[in-house]
PDB file of N, CA and C in Angstrom:
ATOM      1  N   MET A   1     125.524 217.344 -13.078  1.00  0.00           N
ATOM      2  CA  MET A   1     125.409 218.792 -13.241  1.00  0.00           C
ATOM      3  C   MET A   1     125.977 219.514 -12.017  1.00  0.00           C
ATOM      4  N   ARG A   2     125.741 218.957 -10.861  1.00  0.00           N
ATOM      5  CA  ARG A   2     126.205 219.585  -9.623  1.00  0.00           C
ATOM      6  C   ARG A   2     127.731 219.689  -9.596  1.00  0.00           C
ATOM      7  N   ALA A   3     128.418 218.636  -9.994  1.00  0.00           N
ATOM      8  CA  ALA A   3     129.887 218.646  -9.996  1.00  0.00           C
ATOM      9  C   ALA A   3     130.419 219.658 -10.993  1.00  0.00           C
ATOM     10  N   THR A   4     129.750 219.793 -12.128  1.00  0.00           N
ATOM     11  CA  THR A   4     130.185 220.739 -13.147  1.00  0.00           C
ATOM     12  C   THR A   4     130.101 222.167 -12.596  1.00  0.00           C
ATOM     13  N   GLN A   5     128.995 222.490 -11.933  1.00  0.00           N
ATOM     14  CA  GLN A   5     128.836 223.820 -11.350  1.00  0.00           C
ATOM     15  C   GLN A   5     129.899 224.056 -10.286  1.00  0.00           C
ATOM     16  N   LYS A   6     130.149 223.067  -9.457  1.00  0.00           N
ATOM     17  CA  LYS A   6     131.137 223.214  -8.398  1.00  0.00           C
ATOM     18  C   LYS A   6     132.524 223.430  -8.991  1.00  0.00           C
ATOM     19  N   GLU A   7     132.842 222.721 -10.061  1.00  0.00           N
ATOM     20  CA  GLU A   7     134.143 222.873 -10.699  1.00  0.00           C
ATOM     21  C   GLU A   7     134.301 224.266 -11.291  1.00  0.00           C
ATOM     22  N   LYS A   8     133.209 224.860 -11.796  1.00  0.00           N
ATOM     23  CA  LYS A   8     133.264 226.210 -12.349  1.00  0.00           C
ATOM     24  C   LYS A   8     133.583 227.231 -11.254  1.00  0.00           C
ATOM     25  N   ASP A   9     133.204 226.921 -10.012  1.00  0.00           N
ATOM     26  CA  ASP A   9     133.427 227.845  -8.909  1.00  0.00           C
ATOM     27  C   ASP A   9     134.868 227.826  -8.401  1.00  0.00           C
ATOM     28  N   ILE A  10     135.634 226.815  -8.781  1.00  0.00           N
ATOM     29  CA  ILE A  10     137.002 226.661  -8.294  1.00  0.00           C
ATOM     30  C   ILE A  10     137.952 227.491  -9.161  1.00  0.00           C
ATOM     31  N   VAL A  11     138.910 228.150  -8.517  1.00  0.00           N
ATOM     32  CA  VAL A  11     139.956 228.875  -9.243  1.00  0.00           C
ATOM     33  C   VAL A  11     141.058 227.866  -9.555  1.00  0.00           C
ATOM     34  N   HIS A  12     141.358 227.751 -10.822  1.00  0.00           N
ATOM     35  CA  HIS A  12     142.383 226.793 -11.248  1.00  0.00           C
ATOM     36  C   HIS A  12     143.763 227.453 -11.187  1.00  0.00           C
ATOM     37  N   VAL A  13     144.560 227.009 -10.230  1.00  0.00           N
ATOM     38  CA  VAL A  13     145.898 227.558 -10.015  1.00  0.00           C
ATOM     39  C   VAL A  13     146.888 226.751 -10.855  1.00  0.00           C
ATOM     40  N   LYS A  14     147.690 227.476 -11.612  1.00  0.00           N
ATOM     41  CA  LYS A  14     148.693 226.819 -12.458  1.00  0.00           C
ATOM     42  C   LYS A  14     149.876 226.343 -11.620  1.00  0.00           C
ATOM     43  N   GLN A  15     150.299 227.204 -10.683  1.00  0.00           N
ATOM     44  CA  GLN A  15     151.448 226.870  -9.840  1.00  0.00           C
ATOM     45  C   GLN A  15     151.403 227.728  -8.582  1.00  0.00           C
ATOM     46  N   TYR A  16     151.856 227.161  -7.484  1.00  0.00           N
ATOM     47  CA  TYR A  16     151.965 227.914  -6.236  1.00  0.00           C
ATOM     48  C   TYR A  16     153.403 228.339  -6.009  1.00  0.00           C
ATOM     49  N   VAL A  17     153.596 229.505  -5.419  1.00  0.00           N
ATOM     50  CA  VAL A  17     154.909 229.970  -4.995  1.00  0.00           C
ATOM     51  C   VAL A  17     154.953 229.759  -3.485  1.00  0.00           C
ATOM     52  N   THR A  18     155.987 229.062  -3.023  1.00  0.00           N
ATOM     53  CA  THR A  18     156.084 228.745  -1.595  1.00  0.00           C
ATOM     54  C   THR A  18     157.334 229.367  -0.981  1.00  0.00           C
ATOM     55  N   ASP A  19     157.275 229.503   0.345  1.00  0.00           N
ATOM     56  CA  ASP A  19     158.460 229.993   1.054  1.00  0.00           C
ATOM     57  C   ASP A  19     159.386 228.814   1.352  1.00  0.00           C
ATOM     58  N   ALA A  20     160.439 229.066   2.102  1.00  0.00           N
ATOM     59  CA  ALA A  20     161.440 228.032   2.399  1.00  0.00           C
ATOM     60  C   ALA A  20     160.849 226.850   3.173  1.00  0.00           C
ATOM     61  N   LYS A  21     159.781 227.105   3.942  1.00  0.00           N
ATOM     62  CA  LYS A  21     159.152 226.039   4.721  1.00  0.00           C
ATOM     63  C   LYS A  21     158.048 225.319   3.950  1.00  0.00           C
ATOM     64  N   GLY A  22     157.786 225.738   2.714  1.00  0.00           N
ATOM     65  CA  GLY A  22     156.767 225.079   1.904  1.00  0.00           C
ATOM     66  C   GLY A  22     155.367 225.673   2.048  1.00  0.00           C
ATOM     67  N   HIS A  23     155.247 226.792   2.776  1.00  0.00           N
ATOM     68  CA  HIS A  23     153.945 227.450   2.911  1.00  0.00           C
ATOM     69  C   HIS A  23     153.613 228.212   1.633  1.00  0.00           C
ATOM     70  N   LYS A  24     152.385 228.079   1.190  1.00  0.00           N
ATOM     71  CA  LYS A  24     151.949 228.780  -0.022  1.00  0.00           C
ATOM     72  C   LYS A  24     151.933 230.285   0.240  1.00  0.00           C
ATOM     73  N   MET A  25     152.619 231.020  -0.608  1.00  0.00           N
ATOM     74  CA  MET A  25     152.710 232.473  -0.458  1.00  0.00           C
ATOM     75  C   MET A  25     151.980 233.209  -1.592  1.00  0.00           C
ATOM     76  N   ALA A  26     151.889 232.579  -2.759  1.00  0.00           N
ATOM     77  CA  ALA A  26     151.255 233.200  -3.921  1.00  0.00           C
ATOM     78  C   ALA A  26     150.804 232.098  -4.865  1.00  0.00           C
ATOM     79  N   ALA A  27     149.968 232.511  -5.827  1.00  0.00           N
ATOM     80  CA  ALA A  27     149.485 231.559  -6.820  1.00  0.00           C
ATOM     81  C   ALA A  27     149.662 232.153  -8.206  1.00  0.00           C
ATOM     82  N   ILE A  28     150.037 231.325  -9.134  1.00  0.00           N
ATOM     83  CA  ILE A  28     150.175 231.752 -10.528  1.00  0.00           C
ATOM     84  C   ILE A  28     148.966 231.203 -11.278  1.00  0.00           C
ATOM     85  N   LEU A  29     148.263 232.118 -11.943  1.00  0.00           N
ATOM     86  CA  LEU A  29     147.082 231.744 -12.714  1.00  0.00           C
ATOM     87  C   LEU A  29     147.348 231.960 -14.190  1.00  0.00           C
ATOM     88  N   ASP A  30     146.745 231.128 -15.020  1.00  0.00           N
ATOM     89  CA  ASP A  30     146.757 231.340 -16.451  1.00  0.00           C
ATOM     90  C   ASP A  30     145.977 232.630 -16.724  1.00  0.00           C
ATOM     91  N   ILE A  31     146.353 233.397 -17.749  1.00  0.00           N
ATOM     92  CA  ILE A  31     145.722 234.687 -18.024  1.00  0.00           C
ATOM     93  C   ILE A  31     144.218 234.530 -18.297  1.00  0.00           C
ATOM     94  N   LYS A  32     143.823 233.431 -18.943  1.00  0.00           N
ATOM     95  CA  LYS A  32     142.395 233.187 -19.185  1.00  0.00           C
ATOM     96  C   LYS A  32     141.653 232.947 -17.873  1.00  0.00           C
ATOM     97  N   GLU A  33     142.300 232.247 -16.967  1.00  0.00           N
ATOM     98  CA  GLU A  33     141.695 231.992 -15.655  1.00  0.00           C
ATOM     99  C   GLU A  33     141.571 233.300 -14.873  1.00  0.00           C
ATOM    100  N   LEU A  34     142.579 234.144 -14.968  1.00  0.00           N
ATOM    101  CA  LEU A  34     142.530 235.442 -14.304  1.00  0.00           C
ATOM    102  C   LEU A  34     141.365 236.274 -14.842  1.00  0.00           C
ATOM    103  N   ALA A  35     141.163 236.248 -16.151  1.00  0.00           N
ATOM    104  CA  ALA A  35     140.044 236.977 -16.763  1.00  0.00           C
ATOM    105  C   ALA A  35     138.711 236.418 -16.278  1.00  0.00           C
ATOM    106  N   ARG A  36     138.618 235.096 -16.144  1.00  0.00           N
ATOM    107  CA  ARG A  36     137.383 234.469 -15.658  1.00  0.00           C
ATOM    108  C   ARG A  36     137.097 234.890 -14.227  1.00  0.00           C
ATOM    109  N   VAL A  37     138.122 234.895 -13.389  1.00  0.00           N
ATOM    110  CA  VAL A  37     137.963 235.306 -11.994  1.00  0.00           C
ATOM    111  C   VAL A  37     137.554 236.782 -11.925  1.00  0.00           C
ATOM    112  N   HIS A  38     138.150 237.597 -12.774  1.00  0.00           N
ATOM    113  CA  HIS A  38     137.806 239.019 -12.823  1.00  0.00           C
ATOM    114  C   HIS A  38     136.336 239.199 -13.176  1.00  0.00           C
ATOM    115  N   GLU A  39     135.840 238.447 -14.152  1.00  0.00           N
ATOM    116  CA  GLU A  39     134.421 238.506 -14.530  1.00  0.00           C
ATOM    117  C   GLU A  39     133.521 238.078 -13.379  1.00  0.00           C
ATOM    118  N   LEU A  40     133.936 237.034 -12.664  1.00  0.00           N
ATOM    119  CA  LEU A  40     133.148 236.579 -11.511  1.00  0.00           C
ATOM    120  C   LEU A  40     133.064 237.661 -10.442  1.00  0.00           C
ATOM    121  N   LEU A  41     134.169 238.354 -10.211  1.00  0.00           N
ATOM    122  CA  LEU A  41     134.173 239.429  -9.223  1.00  0.00           C
ATOM    123  C   LEU A  41     133.278 240.590  -9.663  1.00  0.00           C
ATOM    124  N   GLU A  42     133.278 240.900 -10.959  1.00  0.00           N
ATOM    125  CA  GLU A  42     132.385 241.944 -11.467  1.00  0.00           C
ATOM    126  C   GLU A  42     130.926 241.525 -11.301  1.00  0.00           C
ATOM    127  N   ASP A  43     130.631 240.248 -11.588  1.00  0.00           N
ATOM    128  CA  ASP A  43     129.270 239.740 -11.401  1.00  0.00           C
ATOM    129  C   ASP A  43     128.848 239.844  -9.939  1.00  0.00           C
ATOM    130  N   LEU A  44     129.769 239.537  -9.056  1.00  0.00           N
ATOM    131  CA  LEU A  44     129.490 239.613  -7.621  1.00  0.00           C
ATOM    132  C   LEU A  44     129.174 241.050  -7.207  1.00  0.00           C
ATOM    133  N   ALA A  45     129.934 242.002  -7.730  1.00  0.00           N
ATOM    134  CA  ALA A  45     129.675 243.413  -7.426  1.00  0.00           C
ATOM    135  C   ALA A  45     128.304 243.837  -7.960  1.00  0.00           C
ATOM    136  N   ASP A  46     127.957 243.372  -9.167  1.00  0.00           N
ATOM    137  CA  ASP A  46     126.641 243.679  -9.732  1.00  0.00           C
ATOM    138  C   ASP A  46     125.525 243.101  -8.864  1.00  0.00           C
ATOM    139  N   LEU A  47     125.711 241.876  -8.398  1.00  0.00           N
ATOM    140  CA  LEU A  47     124.711 241.247  -7.540  1.00  0.00           C
ATOM    141  C   LEU A  47     124.535 242.008  -6.231  1.00  0.00           C
ATOM    142  N   LYS A  48     125.620 242.547  -5.702  1.00  0.00           N
ATOM    143  CA  LYS A  48     125.550 243.344  -4.470  1.00  0.00           C
ATOM    144  C   LYS A  48     124.720 244.604  -4.691  1.00  0.00           C
ATOM    145  N   VAL A  49     124.910 245.269  -5.830  1.00  0.00           N
ATOM    146  CA  VAL A  49     124.124 246.465  -6.157  1.00  0.00           C
ATOM    147  C   VAL A  49     122.649 246.103  -6.278  1.00  0.00           C
ATOM    148  N   ILE A  50     122.359 244.990  -6.953  1.00  0.00           N
ATOM    149  CA  ILE A  50     120.970 244.545  -7.105  1.00  0.00           C
ATOM    150  C   ILE A  50     120.361 244.266  -5.732  1.00  0.00           C
ATOM    151  N   GLU A  51     121.107 243.596  -4.874  1.00  0.00           N
ATOM    152  CA  GLU A  51     120.623 243.288  -3.525  1.00  0.00           C
ATOM    153  C   GLU A  51     120.284 244.569  -2.764  1.00  0.00           C
ATOM    154  N   GLU A  52     121.137 245.576  -2.865  1.00  0.00           N
ATOM    155  CA  GLU A  52     120.895 246.841  -2.175  1.00  0.00           C
ATOM    156  C   GLU A  52     119.650 247.537  -2.715  1.00  0.00           C
ATOM    157  N   ARG A  53     119.460 247.509  -4.025  1.00  0.00           N
ATOM    158  CA  ARG A  53     118.286 248.145  -4.635  1.00  0.00           C
ATOM    159  C   ARG A  53     117.007 247.429  -4.248  1.00  0.00           C
ATOM    160  N   VAL A  54     117.041 246.110  -4.208  1.00  0.00           N
ATOM    161  CA  VAL A  54     115.860 245.345  -3.789  1.00  0.00           C
ATOM    162  C   VAL A  54     115.521 245.678  -2.346  1.00  0.00           C
ATOM    163  N   TYR A  55     116.535 245.769  -1.494  1.00  0.00           N
ATOM    164  CA  TYR A  55     116.317 246.110  -0.090  1.00  0.00           C
ATOM    165  C   TYR A  55     115.664 247.493   0.030  1.00  0.00           C
ATOM    166  N   GLU A  56     116.154 248.463  -0.760  1.00  0.00           N
ATOM    167  CA  GLU A  56     115.555 249.806  -0.747  1.00  0.00           C
ATOM    168  C   GLU A  56     114.090 249.753  -1.152  1.00  0.00           C
ATOM    169  N   LEU A  57     113.772 248.972  -2.182  1.00  0.00           N
ATOM    170  CA  LEU A  57     112.385 248.851  -2.626  1.00  0.00           C
ATOM    171  C   LEU A  57     111.503 248.225  -1.554  1.00  0.00           C
ATOM    172  N   VAL A  58     112.040 247.219  -0.871  1.00  0.00           N
ATOM    173  CA  VAL A  58     111.273 246.569   0.201  1.00  0.00           C
ATOM    174  C   VAL A  58     110.979 247.572   1.309  1.00  0.00           C
ATOM    175  N   ILE A  59     111.967 248.371   1.692  1.00  0.00           N
ATOM    176  CA  ILE A  59     111.777 249.367   2.742  1.00  0.00           C
ATOM    177  C   ILE A  59     110.757 250.411   2.294  1.00  0.00           C
ATOM    178  N   LYS A  60     110.876 250.912   1.051  1.00  0.00           N
ATOM    179  CA  LYS A  60     109.939 251.912   0.547  1.00  0.00           C
ATOM    180  C   LYS A  60     108.523 251.364   0.505  1.00  0.00           C
ATOM    181  N   ASN A  61     108.366 250.128   0.036  1.00  0.00           N
ATOM    182  CA  ASN A  61     107.030 249.530  -0.026  1.00  0.00           C
ATOM    183  C   ASN A  61     106.447 249.323   1.355  1.00  0.00           C
ATOM    184  N   SER A  62     107.292 248.969   2.312  1.00  0.00           N
ATOM    185  CA  SER A  62     106.846 248.779   3.688  1.00  0.00           C
ATOM    186  C   SER A  62     106.369 250.107   4.277  1.00  0.00           C
ATOM    187  N   ALA A  63     107.142 251.174   4.037  1.00  0.00           N
ATOM    188  CA  ALA A  63     106.747 252.493   4.541  1.00  0.00           C
ATOM    189  C   ALA A  63     105.464 252.961   3.874  1.00  0.00           C
ATOM    190  N   LYS A  64     105.333 252.725   2.581  1.00  0.00           N
ATOM    191  CA  LYS A  64     104.117 253.117   1.859  1.00  0.00           C
ATOM    192  C   LYS A  64     102.910 252.387   2.417  1.00  0.00           C
ATOM    193  N   LYS A  65     103.062 251.092   2.696  1.00  0.00           N
ATOM    194  CA  LYS A  65     101.954 250.316   3.250  1.00  0.00           C
ATOM    195  C   LYS A  65     101.548 250.872   4.611  1.00  0.00           C
ATOM    196  N   GLU A  66     102.533 251.216   5.433  1.00  0.00           N
ATOM    197  CA  GLU A  66     102.215 251.780   6.748  1.00  0.00           C
ATOM    198  C   GLU A  66     101.470 253.101   6.605  1.00  0.00           C
ATOM    199  N   LEU A  67     101.887 253.946   5.663  1.00  0.00           N
ATOM    200  CA  LEU A  67     101.184 255.215   5.434  1.00  0.00           C
ATOM    201  C   LEU A  67      99.776 254.969   4.911  1.00  0.00           C
ATOM    202  N   ASP A  68      99.638 253.974   4.041  1.00  0.00           N
ATOM    203  CA  ASP A  68      98.317 253.652   3.503  1.00  0.00           C
ATOM    204  C   ASP A  68      97.369 253.142   4.587  1.00  0.00           C
ATOM    205  N   ASP A  69      97.937 252.547   5.636  1.00  0.00           N
ATOM    206  CA  ASP A  69      97.115 251.993   6.722  1.00  0.00           C
ATOM    207  C   ASP A  69      96.625 253.057   7.704  1.00  0.00           C
ATOM    208  N   ILE A  70      97.166 254.263   7.628  1.00  0.00           N
ATOM    209  CA  ILE A  70      96.728 255.337   8.534  1.00  0.00           C
ATOM    210  C   ILE A  70      95.346 255.809   8.084  1.00  0.00           C
ATOM    211  N   PRO A  71      94.381 255.856   9.002  1.00  0.00           N
ATOM    212  CA  PRO A  71      93.049 256.348   8.627  1.00  0.00           C
ATOM    213  C   PRO A  71      93.131 257.781   8.093  1.00  0.00           C
ATOM    214  N   ALA A  72      92.272 258.102   7.127  1.00  0.00           N
ATOM    215  CA  ALA A  72      92.308 259.403   6.453  1.00  0.00           C
ATOM    216  C   ALA A  72      92.204 260.566   7.437  1.00  0.00           C
ATOM    217  N   ALA A  73      91.304 260.469   8.414  1.00  0.00           N
ATOM    218  CA  ALA A  73      91.115 261.563   9.375  1.00  0.00           C
ATOM    219  C   ALA A  73      92.390 261.804  10.179  1.00  0.00           C
ATOM    220  N   GLN A  74      93.020 260.734  10.602  1.00  0.00           N
ATOM    221  CA  GLN A  74      94.262 260.857  11.377  1.00  0.00           C
ATOM    222  C   GLN A  74      95.372 261.424  10.494  1.00  0.00           C
ATOM    223  N   PHE A  75      95.419 260.999   9.254  1.00  0.00           N
ATOM    224  CA  PHE A  75      96.424 261.485   8.319  1.00  0.00           C
ATOM    225  C   PHE A  75      96.274 262.995   8.116  1.00  0.00           C
ATOM    226  N   LEU A  76      95.027 263.461   7.971  1.00  0.00           N
ATOM    227  CA  LEU A  76      94.779 264.899   7.791  1.00  0.00           C
ATOM    228  C   LEU A  76      95.216 265.696   9.016  1.00  0.00           C
ATOM    229  N   LYS A  77      94.990 265.157  10.226  1.00  0.00           N
ATOM    230  CA  LYS A  77      95.431 265.829  11.457  1.00  0.00           C
ATOM    231  C   LYS A  77      96.960 265.927  11.494  1.00  0.00           C
ATOM    232  N   ILE A  78      97.618 264.848  11.137  1.00  0.00           N
ATOM    233  CA  ILE A  78      99.087 264.839  11.127  1.00  0.00           C
ATOM    234  C   ILE A  78      99.607 265.847  10.109  1.00  0.00           C
ATOM    235  N   ASP A  79      98.996 265.848   8.921  1.00  0.00           N
ATOM    236  CA  ASP A  79      99.399 266.762   7.858  1.00  0.00           C
ATOM    237  C   ASP A  79      99.217 268.221   8.303  1.00  0.00           C
ATOM    238  N   ALA A  80      98.086 268.516   8.947  1.00  0.00           N
ATOM    239  CA  ALA A  80      97.819 269.877   9.433  1.00  0.00           C
ATOM    240  C   ALA A  80      98.839 270.286  10.493  1.00  0.00           C
ATOM    241  N   ALA A  81      99.172 269.365  11.371  1.00  0.00           N
ATOM    242  CA  ALA A  81     100.153 269.666  12.427  1.00  0.00           C
ATOM    243  C   ALA A  81     101.522 269.965  11.818  1.00  0.00           C
ATOM    244  N   ILE A  82     101.907 269.215  10.812  1.00  0.00           N
ATOM    245  CA  ILE A  82     103.198 269.448  10.149  1.00  0.00           C
ATOM    246  C   ILE A  82     103.192 270.808   9.469  1.00  0.00           C
ATOM    247  N   LEU A  83     102.115 271.126   8.771  1.00  0.00           N
ATOM    248  CA  LEU A  83     102.020 272.422   8.104  1.00  0.00           C
ATOM    249  C   LEU A  83     102.072 273.572   9.095  1.00  0.00           C
ATOM    250  N   SER A  84     101.423 273.423  10.237  1.00  0.00           N
ATOM    251  CA  SER A  84     101.446 274.498  11.230  1.00  0.00           C
ATOM    252  C   SER A  84     102.848 274.686  11.800  1.00  0.00           C
ATOM    253  N   LEU A  85     103.591 273.619  11.937  1.00  0.00           N
ATOM    254  CA  LEU A  85     104.979 273.742  12.412  1.00  0.00           C
ATOM    255  C   LEU A  85     105.817 274.510  11.407  1.00  0.00           C
ATOM    256  N   ASN A  86     105.636 274.231  10.151  1.00  0.00           N
ATOM    257  CA  ASN A  86     106.433 274.875   9.109  1.00  0.00           C
ATOM    258  C   ASN A  86     106.110 276.350   8.945  1.00  0.00           C
ATOM    259  N   THR A  87     104.859 276.742   9.133  1.00  0.00           N
ATOM    260  CA  THR A  87     104.475 278.130   8.893  1.00  0.00           C
ATOM    261  C   THR A  87     104.611 279.004  10.126  1.00  0.00           C
ATOM    262  N   SER A  88     104.480 278.441  11.321  1.00  0.00           N
ATOM    263  CA  SER A  88     104.532 279.264  12.520  1.00  0.00           C
ATOM    264  C   SER A  88     105.922 279.355  13.118  1.00  0.00           C
ATOM    265  N   ARG A  89     106.843 278.636  12.585  1.00  0.00           N
ATOM    266  CA  ARG A  89     108.190 278.595  13.149  1.00  0.00           C
ATOM    267  C   ARG A  89     108.977 279.833  12.700  1.00  0.00           C
ATOM    268  N   SER A  90     109.560 280.520  13.639  1.00  0.00           N
ATOM    269  CA  SER A  90     110.420 281.648  13.276  1.00  0.00           C
ATOM    270  C   SER A  90     111.879 281.188  13.359  1.00  0.00           C
ATOM    271  N   PHE A  91     112.614 281.547  12.356  1.00  0.00           N
ATOM    272  CA  PHE A  91     114.006 281.112  12.286  1.00  0.00           C
ATOM    273  C   PHE A  91     114.909 282.158  12.943  1.00  0.00           C
ATOM    274  N   PRO A  92     115.929 281.718  13.675  1.00  0.00           N
ATOM    275  CA  PRO A  92     116.826 282.663  14.346  1.00  0.00           C
ATOM    276  C   PRO A  92     117.843 283.264  13.381  1.00  0.00           C
ATOM    277  N   PHE A  93     117.683 283.038  12.129  1.00  0.00           N
ATOM    278  CA  PHE A  93     118.616 283.579  11.149  1.00  0.00           C
ATOM    279  C   PHE A  93     117.830 284.106   9.947  1.00  0.00           C
ATOM    280  N   LYS A  94     118.483 284.958   9.184  1.00  0.00           N
ATOM    281  CA  LYS A  94     117.827 285.509   7.995  1.00  0.00           C
ATOM    282  C   LYS A  94     117.985 284.524   6.848  1.00  0.00           C
ATOM    283  N   THR A  95     116.935 284.398   6.082  1.00  0.00           N
ATOM    284  CA  THR A  95     117.024 283.540   4.905  1.00  0.00           C
ATOM    285  C   THR A  95     117.267 284.425   3.688  1.00  0.00           C
ATOM    286  N   SER A  96     118.023 283.918   2.767  1.00  0.00           N
ATOM    287  CA  SER A  96     118.295 284.686   1.559  1.00  0.00           C
ATOM    288  C   SER A  96     117.096 284.575   0.643  1.00  0.00           C
ATOM    289  N   GLU A  97     116.763 285.661  -0.004  1.00  0.00           N
ATOM    290  CA  GLU A  97     115.587 285.668  -0.887  1.00  0.00           C
ATOM    291  C   GLU A  97     116.009 285.811  -2.301  1.00  0.00           C
TER     292      GLU A  97
END
């Protein structure tokens, strides 16, 4: 089973294009192989999006846990201080109403 999975991961090149010194410059793929590689790249992009979303959830859950760990009395003091900053602050510009 392991060899089969490994073989699926390999890009099957039909022919290589080389320069005058024999260095590989390009590869020719069968159209079906190109479609398979394209699907793999799309899957990889999807996995990257999933990874980013999971990371965001982990960060949000971590922040929520930290907020939940704050004692209620301390939380109320912090909340009151924030509210007082918002209401007592005078802005140096006019706000549109």
